[in-house]
C-alpha atoms as a PDB file:
ATOM      1  CA  MET A   1      40.916  23.989  91.419  1.00  0.00           C
ATOM      2  CA  PRO A   2      43.702  22.207  89.454  1.00  0.00           C
ATOM      3  CA  ASP A   3      47.222  22.338  90.807  1.00  0.00           C
ATOM      4  CA  PRO A   4      48.967  25.415  89.712  1.00  0.00           C
ATOM      5  CA  SER A   5      52.363  23.407  89.010  1.00  0.00           C
ATOM      6  CA  LEU A   6      50.477  21.282  86.627  1.00  0.00           C
ATOM      7  CA  ILE A   7      48.929  24.408  84.891  1.00  0.00           C
ATOM      8  CA  HIS A   8      52.597  25.689  84.551  1.00  0.00           C
ATOM      9  CA  LEU A   9      53.777  22.367  83.076  1.00  0.00           C
ATOM     10  CA  CYS A  10      50.964  22.274  80.636  1.00  0.00           C
ATOM     11  CA  LEU A  11      51.584  25.768  79.492  1.00  0.00           C
ATOM     12  CA  ASN A  12      55.271  25.377  79.514  1.00  0.00           C
ATOM     13  CA  ALA A  13      55.151  22.329  77.252  1.00  0.00           C
ATOM     14  CA  PHE A  14      52.619  24.319  74.909  1.00  0.00           C
ATOM     15  CA  LEU A  15      54.977  27.046  74.482  1.00  0.00           C
ATOM     16  CA  ALA A  16      57.892  24.767  73.960  1.00  0.00           C
ATOM     17  CA  ALA A  17      56.126  23.116  71.093  1.00  0.00           C
ATOM     18  CA  THR A  18      55.599  26.491  69.258  1.00  0.00           C
ATOM     19  CA  LEU A  19      58.347  28.067  67.502  1.00  0.00           C
ATOM     20  CA  LEU A  20      59.697  29.654  70.603  1.00  0.00           C
ATOM     21  CA  PRO A  21      62.927  28.135  71.745  1.00  0.00           C
ATOM     22  CA  LEU A  22      61.745  26.930  75.191  1.00  0.00           C
ATOM     23  CA  PRO A  23      62.651  23.582  76.891  1.00  0.00           C
ATOM     24  CA  SER A  24      60.079  21.719  78.613  1.00  0.00           C
ATOM     25  CA  GLU A  25      62.077  19.001  80.035  1.00  0.00           C
ATOM     26  CA  PHE A  26      63.478  20.916  82.973  1.00  0.00           C
ATOM     27  CA  MET A  27      59.978  21.799  84.549  1.00  0.00           C
ATOM     28  CA  LEU A  28      58.723  18.068  84.016  1.00  0.00           C
ATOM     29  CA  THR A  29      61.984  16.768  85.519  1.00  0.00           C
ATOM     30  CA  PHE A  30      61.613  19.138  88.446  1.00  0.00           C
ATOM     31  CA  LEU A  31      57.952  17.940  89.030  1.00  0.00           C
ATOM     32  CA  ALA A  32      58.887  14.159  88.628  1.00  0.00           C
ATOM     33  CA  THR A  33      61.698  14.114  91.125  1.00  0.00           C
ATOM     34  CA  GLY A  34      59.542  15.983  93.589  1.00  0.00           C
ATOM     35  CA  HIS A  35      57.341  12.928  93.791  1.00  0.00           C
ATOM     36  CA  GLN A  36      54.243  15.209  94.378  1.00  0.00           C
ATOM     37  CA  HIS A  37      52.260  14.012  91.478  1.00  0.00           C
ATOM     38  CA  PRO A  38      51.545  10.660  89.883  1.00  0.00           C
ATOM     39  CA  PHE A  39      53.850   9.411  86.968  1.00  0.00           C
ATOM     40  CA  PHE A  40      50.852   9.395  84.496  1.00  0.00           C
ATOM     41  CA  ILE A  41      49.405  12.588  85.514  1.00  0.00           C
ATOM     42  CA  LEU A  42      52.794  14.090  84.741  1.00  0.00           C
ATOM     43  CA  TRP A  43      52.993  12.362  81.528  1.00  0.00           C
ATOM     44  CA  ALA A  44      49.663  13.312  80.275  1.00  0.00           C
ATOM     45  CA  THR A  45      49.959  16.840  81.317  1.00  0.00           C
ATOM     46  CA  ALA A  46      53.196  17.419  79.548  1.00  0.00           C
ATOM     47  CA  THR A  47      52.175  15.546  76.519  1.00  0.00           C
ATOM     48  CA  LEU A  48      48.619  17.261  76.244  1.00  0.00           C
ATOM     49  CA  GLY A  49      50.286  20.651  76.408  1.00  0.00           C
ATOM     50  CA  ASN A  50      52.997  19.702  73.864  1.00  0.00           C
ATOM     51  CA  VAL A  51      50.679  18.319  71.343  1.00  0.00           C
ATOM     52  CA  ALA A  52      48.354  21.198  71.664  1.00  0.00           C
ATOM     53  CA  GLY A  53      51.156  23.593  70.943  1.00  0.00           C
ATOM     54  CA  ALA A  54      52.046  21.442  67.828  1.00  0.00           C
ATOM     55  CA  VAL A  55      48.432  21.684  66.823  1.00  0.00           C
ATOM     56  CA  PHE A  56      48.667  25.403  67.066  1.00  0.00           C
ATOM     57  CA  ASN A  57      51.886  25.247  64.750  1.00  0.00           C
ATOM     58  CA  TRP A  58      49.673  23.059  62.275  1.00  0.00           C
ATOM     59  CA  PHE A  59      46.943  25.591  62.192  1.00  0.00           C
ATOM     60  CA  LEU A  60      49.379  28.437  61.765  1.00  0.00           C
ATOM     61  CA  GLY A  61      50.880  26.698  58.696  1.00  0.00           C
ATOM     62  CA  ARG A  62      47.463  25.736  57.333  1.00  0.00           C
ATOM     63  CA  SER A  63      46.185  29.328  57.551  1.00  0.00           C
ATOM     64  CA  LEU A  64      49.285  30.685  56.138  1.00  0.00           C
ATOM     65  CA  LEU A  65      48.813  28.950  53.011  1.00  0.00           C
ATOM     66  CA  HIS A  66      45.752  30.815  52.273  1.00  0.00           C
ATOM     67  CA  HIS A  67      48.055  33.745  51.555  1.00  0.00           C
ATOM     68  CA  GLN A  68      50.339  31.966  49.142  1.00  0.00           C
ATOM     69  CA  HIS A  69      49.495  34.327  46.125  1.00  0.00           C
ATOM     70  CA  ARG A  70      50.346  37.486  48.162  1.00  0.00           C
ATOM     71  CA  ARG A  71      53.834  39.166  47.601  1.00  0.00           C
ATOM     72  CA  TRP A  72      55.090  38.806  51.270  1.00  0.00           C
ATOM     73  CA  PHE A  73      54.428  34.983  51.377  1.00  0.00           C
ATOM     74  CA  PRO A  74      57.688  33.693  52.653  1.00  0.00           C
ATOM     75  CA  PHE A  75      57.736  30.641  50.346  1.00  0.00           C
ATOM     76  CA  SER A  76      57.723  30.557  46.606  1.00  0.00           C
ATOM     77  CA  PRO A  77      55.580  27.978  44.722  1.00  0.00           C
ATOM     78  CA  SER A  78      58.631  25.976  43.693  1.00  0.00           C
ATOM     79  CA  ALA A  79      59.759  26.053  47.353  1.00  0.00           C
ATOM     80  CA  LEU A  80      56.513  24.647  48.399  1.00  0.00           C
ATOM     81  CA  ASP A  81      56.423  21.924  45.798  1.00  0.00           C
ATOM     82  CA  ALA A  82      60.005  20.913  46.717  1.00  0.00           C
ATOM     83  CA  ALA A  83      59.014  20.689  50.410  1.00  0.00           C
ATOM     84  CA  ARG A  84      56.098  18.529  49.217  1.00  0.00           C
ATOM     85  CA  GLN A  85      58.153  16.151  47.426  1.00  0.00           C
ATOM     86  CA  ARG A  86      60.577  15.771  50.331  1.00  0.00           C
ATOM     87  CA  PHE A  87      57.702  15.393  52.879  1.00  0.00           C
ATOM     88  CA  SER A  88      55.895  12.822  50.564  1.00  0.00           C
ATOM     89  CA  ARG A  89      59.013  10.711  50.185  1.00  0.00           C
ATOM     90  CA  HIS A  90      58.414   9.420  53.759  1.00  0.00           C
ATOM     91  CA  GLY A  91      55.103  10.713  54.204  1.00  0.00           C
ATOM     92  CA  ALA A  92      53.728  12.113  57.463  1.00  0.00           C
ATOM     93  CA  TRP A  93      56.062   9.470  59.197  1.00  0.00           C
ATOM     94  CA  TRP A  94      58.496  12.480  59.586  1.00  0.00           C
ATOM     95  CA  LEU A  95      56.028  13.895  62.379  1.00  0.00           C
ATOM     96  CA  LEU A  96      57.369  10.930  64.726  1.00  0.00           C
ATOM     97  CA  LEU A  97      60.483  13.354  64.914  1.00  0.00           C
ATOM     98  CA  SER A  98      58.370  16.211  66.023  1.00  0.00           C
ATOM     99  CA  TRP A  99      59.805  15.847  69.514  1.00  0.00           C
ATOM    100  CA  LEU A 100      63.472  16.552  68.253  1.00  0.00           C
ATOM    101  CA  PRO A 101      64.830  20.092  69.139  1.00  0.00           C
ATOM    102  CA  VAL A 102      65.350  22.539  66.246  1.00  0.00           C
ATOM    103  CA  ILE A 103      63.659  20.468  63.412  1.00  0.00           C
ATOM    104  CA  GLY A 104      60.708  19.242  65.409  1.00  0.00           C
ATOM    105  CA  ASP A 105      58.453  22.501  65.728  1.00  0.00           C
ATOM    106  CA  PRO A 106      59.330  23.574  61.930  1.00  0.00           C
ATOM    107  CA  LEU A 107      57.927  19.962  60.926  1.00  0.00           C
ATOM    108  CA  THR A 108      54.634  20.700  62.601  1.00  0.00           C
ATOM    109  CA  PHE A 109      54.292  23.897  60.919  1.00  0.00           C
ATOM    110  CA  ALA A 110      55.269  22.259  57.613  1.00  0.00           C
ATOM    111  CA  ALA A 111      52.588  19.777  58.152  1.00  0.00           C
ATOM    112  CA  GLY A 112      50.104  22.446  58.377  1.00  0.00           C
ATOM    113  CA  VAL A 113      51.417  24.107  55.215  1.00  0.00           C
ATOM    114  CA  LEU A 114      51.553  20.693  53.367  1.00  0.00           C
ATOM    115  CA  ARG A 115      47.800  19.965  54.548  1.00  0.00           C
ATOM    116  CA  ILE A 116      48.531  16.653  56.382  1.00  0.00           C
ATOM    117  CA  PRO A 117      45.184  15.505  57.597  1.00  0.00           C
ATOM    118  CA  LEU A 118      44.663  16.415  61.315  1.00  0.00           C
ATOM    119  CA  PRO A 119      43.816  13.031  62.692  1.00  0.00           C
ATOM    120  CA  ARG A 120      47.006  11.434  61.272  1.00  0.00           C
ATOM    121  CA  PHE A 121      48.953  14.672  62.442  1.00  0.00           C
ATOM    122  CA  LEU A 122      47.603  14.183  65.903  1.00  0.00           C
ATOM    123  CA  LEU A 123      48.348  10.423  65.989  1.00  0.00           C
ATOM    124  CA  LEU A 124      52.063  10.619  64.729  1.00  0.00           C
ATOM    125  CA  VAL A 125      52.781  13.750  66.869  1.00  0.00           C
ATOM    126  CA  THR A 126      51.378  12.336  69.957  1.00  0.00           C
ATOM    127  CA  LEU A 127      53.379   9.027  69.475  1.00  0.00           C
ATOM    128  CA  GLY A 128      56.457  11.060  69.120  1.00  0.00           C
ATOM    129  CA  LYS A 129      56.133  13.653  71.732  1.00  0.00           C
ATOM    130  CA  GLY A 130      54.241  11.215  74.226  1.00  0.00           C
ATOM    131  CA  GLY A 131      57.135   8.620  73.668  1.00  0.00           C
ATOM    132  CA  ARG A 132      59.850  11.209  74.362  1.00  0.00           C
ATOM    133  CA  TYR A 133      57.982  12.335  77.877  1.00  0.00           C
ATOM    134  CA  LEU A 134      57.540   8.623  78.783  1.00  0.00           C
ATOM    135  CA  LEU A 135      61.385   8.018  78.291  1.00  0.00           C
ATOM    136  CA  LEU A 136      62.282  11.016  80.153  1.00  0.00           C
ATOM    137  CA  LEU A 137      59.992  10.244  83.096  1.00  0.00           C
ATOM    138  CA  LEU A 138      61.208   6.595  83.026  1.00  0.00           C
ATOM    139  CA  ALA A 139      64.777   8.030  83.231  1.00  0.00           C
ATOM    140  CA  VAL A 140      64.315  10.442  86.245  1.00  0.00           C
ATOM    141  CA  THR A 141      61.728   8.398  88.336  1.00  0.00           C
ATOM    142  CA  PRO A 142      62.444   5.074  90.138  1.00  0.00           C
ATOM    143  CA  THR A 143      59.120   3.471  89.174  1.00  0.00           C
ATOM    144  CA  PRO A 144      56.031   4.812  87.316  1.00  0.00           C
END
């Protein structure tokens, strides 16, 4: 059976990547400083959970678009067009910033609404979020 602390880390990272205001760095730092798990396992677990949460946001955004002609839909056609133009200015490269607090989670949601292809989304989000966890782990552990 997998270690419960790694399951909690993955779940925590998943929830932190959704629109819930939940930090994942505290749990990762706690586990890293305990030296009970290999560096790579901690990095992979946190990255996997966080990217999975971002994919959840992407699917939410993508499925929401199916309701764009309903009265309750939260975005007007002009607001969607404006978002497409802003996003297209720098393309999907914005997703490298998906690790940032406050703006990162809405970026992953917007990528679904704007129909950014899933393979490109996965690559850029994994680079951004995986890079952030790598730097965090390097900062709190003496050696990988």
